[in-house]
C-alpha atoms as a PDB file:
ATOM      1  CA  UNK A   1     -28.311 -13.285  71.881  1.00  0.00           C
ATOM      2  CA  UNK A   2     -25.074 -11.355  71.522  1.00  0.00           C
ATOM      3  CA  UNK A   3     -22.477 -13.099  69.330  1.00  0.00           C
ATOM      4  CA  UNK A   4     -19.477 -10.837  68.878  1.00  0.00           C
ATOM      5  CA  UNK A   5     -15.978 -10.822  67.473  1.00  0.00           C
ATOM      6  CA  UNK A   6     -13.155  -9.052  69.310  1.00  0.00           C
ATOM      7  CA  UNK A   7     -10.521  -7.575  67.009  1.00  0.00           C
ATOM      8  CA  UNK A   8      -8.003  -4.739  66.770  1.00  0.00           C
ATOM      9  CA  UNK A   9      -9.285  -1.390  65.523  1.00  0.00           C
ATOM     10  CA  UNK A  10      -6.604  -1.605  62.813  1.00  0.00           C
ATOM     11  CA  UNK A  11      -8.234  -4.737  61.324  1.00  0.00           C
ATOM     12  CA  UNK A  12      -9.509  -4.503  57.780  1.00  0.00           C
ATOM     13  CA  UNK A  13     -13.204  -3.742  58.173  1.00  0.00           C
ATOM     14  CA  UNK A  14     -14.011  -6.076  55.271  1.00  0.00           C
ATOM     15  CA  UNK A  15     -13.778  -8.852  57.885  1.00  0.00           C
ATOM     16  CA  UNK A  16     -17.225  -7.742  59.056  1.00  0.00           C
ATOM     17  CA  UNK A  17     -18.860  -9.483  56.092  1.00  0.00           C
ATOM     18  CA  UNK A  18     -17.231 -12.770  57.101  1.00  0.00           C
ATOM     19  CA  UNK A  19     -18.258 -12.195  60.711  1.00  0.00           C
ATOM     20  CA  UNK A  20     -21.896 -11.674  59.682  1.00  0.00           C
ATOM     21  CA  UNK A  21     -21.871 -14.701  57.377  1.00  0.00           C
ATOM     22  CA  UNK A  22     -20.422 -16.781  60.227  1.00  0.00           C
ATOM     23  CA  UNK A  23     -23.396 -15.910  62.419  1.00  0.00           C
ATOM     24  CA  UNK A  24     -21.960 -13.096  64.498  1.00  0.00           C
ATOM     25  CA  UNK A  25     -24.111 -10.032  65.163  1.00  0.00           C
ATOM     26  CA  UNK A  26     -21.624  -7.620  66.731  1.00  0.00           C
ATOM     27  CA  UNK A  27     -18.056  -6.347  66.514  1.00  0.00           C
ATOM     28  CA  UNK A  28     -15.847  -5.309  69.433  1.00  0.00           C
ATOM     29  CA  UNK A  29     -12.932  -3.363  67.930  1.00  0.00           C
ATOM     30  CA  UNK A  30     -10.243  -2.529  70.481  1.00  0.00           C
ATOM     31  CA  UNK A  31      -9.609   1.246  70.522  1.00  0.00           C
ATOM     32  CA  UNK A  32      -6.044   1.678  71.774  1.00  0.00           C
ATOM     33  CA  UNK A  33      -4.664   5.032  72.893  1.00  0.00           C
ATOM     34  CA  UNK A  34      -8.180   6.309  73.626  1.00  0.00           C
ATOM     35  CA  UNK A  35      -7.536   9.529  75.553  1.00  0.00           C
ATOM     36  CA  UNK A  36      -9.521   9.512  78.802  1.00  0.00           C
ATOM     37  CA  UNK A  37     -10.497  13.163  78.329  1.00  0.00           C
ATOM     38  CA  UNK A  38     -13.576  12.052  76.383  1.00  0.00           C
ATOM     39  CA  UNK A  39     -12.725  14.585  73.661  1.00  0.00           C
ATOM     40  CA  UNK A  40     -10.462  12.292  71.641  1.00  0.00           C
ATOM     41  CA  UNK A  41     -11.155  13.066  67.963  1.00  0.00           C
ATOM     42  CA  UNK A  42      -8.931  10.230  66.758  1.00  0.00           C
ATOM     43  CA  UNK A  43     -10.905   7.673  68.778  1.00  0.00           C
ATOM     44  CA  UNK A  44     -14.181   9.301  67.703  1.00  0.00           C
ATOM     45  CA  UNK A  45     -13.166   9.015  64.031  1.00  0.00           C
ATOM     46  CA  UNK A  46     -12.216   5.357  64.451  1.00  0.00           C
ATOM     47  CA  UNK A  47     -15.537   4.609  66.141  1.00  0.00           C
ATOM     48  CA  UNK A  48     -17.406   6.452  63.359  1.00  0.00           C
ATOM     49  CA  UNK A  49     -15.588   4.412  60.695  1.00  0.00           C
ATOM     50  CA  UNK A  50     -16.426   1.171  62.484  1.00  0.00           C
ATOM     51  CA  UNK A  51     -20.028   2.291  63.010  1.00  0.00           C
ATOM     52  CA  UNK A  52     -20.374   2.939  59.257  1.00  0.00           C
ATOM     53  CA  UNK A  53     -18.919  -0.455  58.358  1.00  0.00           C
ATOM     54  CA  UNK A  54     -20.983  -2.306  60.975  1.00  0.00           C
ATOM     55  CA  UNK A  55     -24.156  -0.551  59.868  1.00  0.00           C
ATOM     56  CA  UNK A  56     -23.595  -1.725  56.279  1.00  0.00           C
ATOM     57  CA  UNK A  57     -23.390  -5.311  57.554  1.00  0.00           C
ATOM     58  CA  UNK A  58     -26.261  -4.998  60.021  1.00  0.00           C
ATOM     59  CA  UNK A  59     -23.948  -5.538  62.990  1.00  0.00           C
ATOM     60  CA  UNK A  60     -23.930  -3.940  66.419  1.00  0.00           C
ATOM     61  CA  UNK A  61     -20.808  -2.025  67.416  1.00  0.00           C
ATOM     62  CA  UNK A  62     -19.321  -2.338  70.888  1.00  0.00           C
ATOM     63  CA  UNK A  63     -16.083  -0.275  70.995  1.00  0.00           C
ATOM     64  CA  UNK A  64     -13.589  -1.699  73.464  1.00  0.00           C
ATOM     65  CA  UNK A  65     -10.953   0.171  75.445  1.00  0.00           C
ATOM     66  CA  UNK A  66      -8.504  -0.505  78.260  1.00  0.00           C
ATOM     67  CA  UNK A  67      -9.159  -0.095  81.963  1.00  0.00           C
ATOM     68  CA  UNK A  68      -5.415   0.506  82.267  1.00  0.00           C
ATOM     69  CA  UNK A  69      -3.338   0.349  79.123  1.00  0.00           C
ATOM     70  CA  UNK A  70      -0.286   2.169  80.363  1.00  0.00           C
ATOM     71  CA  UNK A  71       0.830   5.749  80.092  1.00  0.00           C
ATOM     72  CA  UNK A  72      -2.357   6.909  78.389  1.00  0.00           C
ATOM     73  CA  UNK A  73      -4.463   6.379  81.505  1.00  0.00           C
ATOM     74  CA  UNK A  74      -1.747   6.835  84.108  1.00  0.00           C
ATOM     75  CA  UNK A  75      -0.518  10.190  82.765  1.00  0.00           C
ATOM     76  CA  UNK A  76      -4.078  11.472  82.460  1.00  0.00           C
ATOM     77  CA  UNK A  77      -4.725  10.876  86.144  1.00  0.00           C
ATOM     78  CA  UNK A  78      -1.351  10.527  87.920  1.00  0.00           C
ATOM     79  CA  UNK A  79      -2.727  10.884  91.455  1.00  0.00           C
ATOM     80  CA  UNK A  80      -5.018   7.849  91.390  1.00  0.00           C
ATOM     81  CA  UNK A  81      -5.160   5.616  94.461  1.00  0.00           C
ATOM     82  CA  UNK A  82      -2.800   2.668  94.013  1.00  0.00           C
ATOM     83  CA  UNK A  83      -3.703  -0.967  94.460  1.00  0.00           C
ATOM     84  CA  UNK A  84      -2.141  -2.536  97.561  1.00  0.00           C
ATOM     85  CA  UNK A  85      -1.713  -6.292  97.987  1.00  0.00           C
ATOM     86  CA  UNK A  86      -2.577  -8.125 101.199  1.00  0.00           C
ATOM     87  CA  UNK A  87       1.203  -8.335 101.748  1.00  0.00           C
ATOM     88  CA  UNK A  88       1.314  -4.516 101.736  1.00  0.00           C
ATOM     89  CA  UNK A  89       2.993  -4.107  98.330  1.00  0.00           C
ATOM     90  CA  UNK A  90       1.909  -0.900  96.614  1.00  0.00           C
ATOM     91  CA  UNK A  91       1.516  -1.333  92.858  1.00  0.00           C
ATOM     92  CA  UNK A  92       2.589   2.027  91.427  1.00  0.00           C
ATOM     93  CA  UNK A  93       1.127   1.410  87.958  1.00  0.00           C
ATOM     94  CA  UNK A  94      -2.155  -0.177  89.007  1.00  0.00           C
ATOM     95  CA  UNK A  95      -5.176   1.763  90.274  1.00  0.00           C
ATOM     96  CA  UNK A  96      -7.275   0.512  93.142  1.00  0.00           C
ATOM     97  CA  UNK A  97     -10.231  -1.081  91.312  1.00  0.00           C
ATOM     98  CA  UNK A  98     -12.627   0.662  93.708  1.00  0.00           C
ATOM     99  CA  UNK A  99     -11.126   4.157  93.336  1.00  0.00           C
ATOM    100  CA  UNK A 100     -14.199   6.199  92.427  1.00  0.00           C
ATOM    101  CA  UNK A 101     -12.052   9.086  91.197  1.00  0.00           C
ATOM    102  CA  UNK A 102     -10.221   6.816  88.752  1.00  0.00           C
ATOM    103  CA  UNK A 103     -13.557   5.608  87.336  1.00  0.00           C
ATOM    104  CA  UNK A 104     -14.900   9.176  87.181  1.00  0.00           C
ATOM    105  CA  UNK A 105     -11.837  10.708  85.524  1.00  0.00           C
ATOM    106  CA  UNK A 106     -10.561   7.870  83.317  1.00  0.00           C
ATOM    107  CA  UNK A 107     -13.384   5.445  82.487  1.00  0.00           C
ATOM    108  CA  UNK A 108     -16.582   7.519  82.573  1.00  0.00           C
ATOM    109  CA  UNK A 109     -15.589  10.221  80.018  1.00  0.00           C
ATOM    110  CA  UNK A 110     -14.849   7.579  77.391  1.00  0.00           C
ATOM    111  CA  UNK A 111     -18.088   5.729  78.121  1.00  0.00           C
ATOM    112  CA  UNK A 112     -20.018   8.989  77.894  1.00  0.00           C
ATOM    113  CA  UNK A 113     -18.439   9.842  74.549  1.00  0.00           C
ATOM    114  CA  UNK A 114     -19.544   6.480  73.134  1.00  0.00           C
ATOM    115  CA  UNK A 115     -22.996   6.849  74.732  1.00  0.00           C
ATOM    116  CA  UNK A 116     -23.420  10.281  73.138  1.00  0.00           C
ATOM    117  CA  UNK A 117     -22.409   8.853  69.770  1.00  0.00           C
ATOM    118  CA  UNK A 118     -24.977   6.066  70.206  1.00  0.00           C
ATOM    119  CA  UNK A 119     -27.777   8.629  70.315  1.00  0.00           C
ATOM    120  CA  UNK A 120     -27.171   9.252  66.615  1.00  0.00           C
ATOM    121  CA  UNK A 121     -25.511   5.969  65.648  1.00  0.00           C
ATOM    122  CA  UNK A 122     -28.155   3.418  66.666  1.00  0.00           C
ATOM    123  CA  UNK A 123     -25.908   0.431  65.937  1.00  0.00           C
ATOM    124  CA  UNK A 124     -23.515   1.500  68.722  1.00  0.00           C
ATOM    125  CA  UNK A 125     -24.905  -0.809  71.385  1.00  0.00           C
ATOM    126  CA  UNK A 126     -22.469  -0.336  74.283  1.00  0.00           C
ATOM    127  CA  UNK A 127     -18.829  -0.465  75.310  1.00  0.00           C
ATOM    128  CA  UNK A 128     -16.493  -3.276  76.297  1.00  0.00           C
ATOM    129  CA  UNK A 129     -14.063  -2.521  79.101  1.00  0.00           C
ATOM    130  CA  UNK A 130     -10.893  -4.580  78.635  1.00  0.00           C
ATOM    131  CA  UNK A 131      -9.684  -5.441  82.118  1.00  0.00           C
ATOM    132  CA  UNK A 132      -6.405  -6.991  80.947  1.00  0.00           C
ATOM    133  CA  UNK A 133      -4.028  -4.301  82.188  1.00  0.00           C
ATOM    134  CA  UNK A 134      -1.060  -4.240  79.824  1.00  0.00           C
ATOM    135  CA  UNK A 135       0.622  -1.192  81.352  1.00  0.00           C
ATOM    136  CA  UNK A 136       0.007  -2.051  84.982  1.00  0.00           C
ATOM    137  CA  UNK A 137       2.097  -4.015  87.461  1.00  0.00           C
ATOM    138  CA  UNK A 138       0.216  -7.204  86.539  1.00  0.00           C
ATOM    139  CA  UNK A 139      -2.284  -8.208  83.875  1.00  0.00           C
ATOM    140  CA  UNK A 140      -5.325  -8.492  86.125  1.00  0.00           C
ATOM    141  CA  UNK A 141      -6.644  -8.272  89.651  1.00  0.00           C
ATOM    142  CA  UNK A 142      -6.113 -11.569  91.443  1.00  0.00           C
ATOM    143  CA  UNK A 143      -7.381 -10.571  94.872  1.00  0.00           C
ATOM    144  CA  UNK A 144      -9.187  -7.796  96.680  1.00  0.00           C
ATOM    145  CA  UNK A 145      -7.335  -4.521  97.050  1.00  0.00           C
ATOM    146  CA  UNK A 146      -5.913  -3.885 100.514  1.00  0.00           C
ATOM    147  CA  UNK A 147      -5.395  -0.127 100.317  1.00  0.00           C
ATOM    148  CA  UNK A 148      -6.515   1.836 103.373  1.00  0.00           C
ATOM    149  CA  UNK A 149      -9.859   2.820 101.802  1.00  0.00           C
ATOM    150  CA  UNK A 150     -10.692  -0.740 100.768  1.00  0.00           C
ATOM    151  CA  UNK A 151      -9.652  -2.211 104.130  1.00  0.00           C
ATOM    152  CA  UNK A 152     -11.873   0.367 105.828  1.00  0.00           C
ATOM    153  CA  UNK A 153     -14.718  -0.835 103.624  1.00  0.00           C
ATOM    154  CA  UNK A 154     -15.124   2.543 101.977  1.00  0.00           C
ATOM    155  CA  UNK A 155     -13.947   1.567  98.503  1.00  0.00           C
ATOM    156  CA  UNK A 156     -13.761   5.222  97.527  1.00  0.00           C
ATOM    157  CA  UNK A 157     -12.675   8.496  99.018  1.00  0.00           C
END
């Protein structure tokens, strides 16, 4: 059974001992400003540091990153399809959750980077996708998207 603690990547990694002693078996550090290019050396270094610390404590590592955290994702892929409400309001800072290109260009490269790291770092068990959208027009999706593609039932271009 997975029993994890969610914490900022800036947290003192000595907390992992307390997490293990409390019965947890995994850590989910939140990697902020994780460049969607998948070649982010800063994020890679942070994940490596957490992997080392988790390995010493016998814990799994599940790096967490934002679905939309603001400019980091939006500047990387400025032409994403926008979410549209049923009232027809276009949310300029919120991607359509079914936009395949957004997933391919923003989410997948980061997941692949972590997956590649897990081939060597066996305690990297997966990723956590934080769907609370701090830089978007609202914190989370409350209803189905009503953009043209979603209303047509296509979901993606």
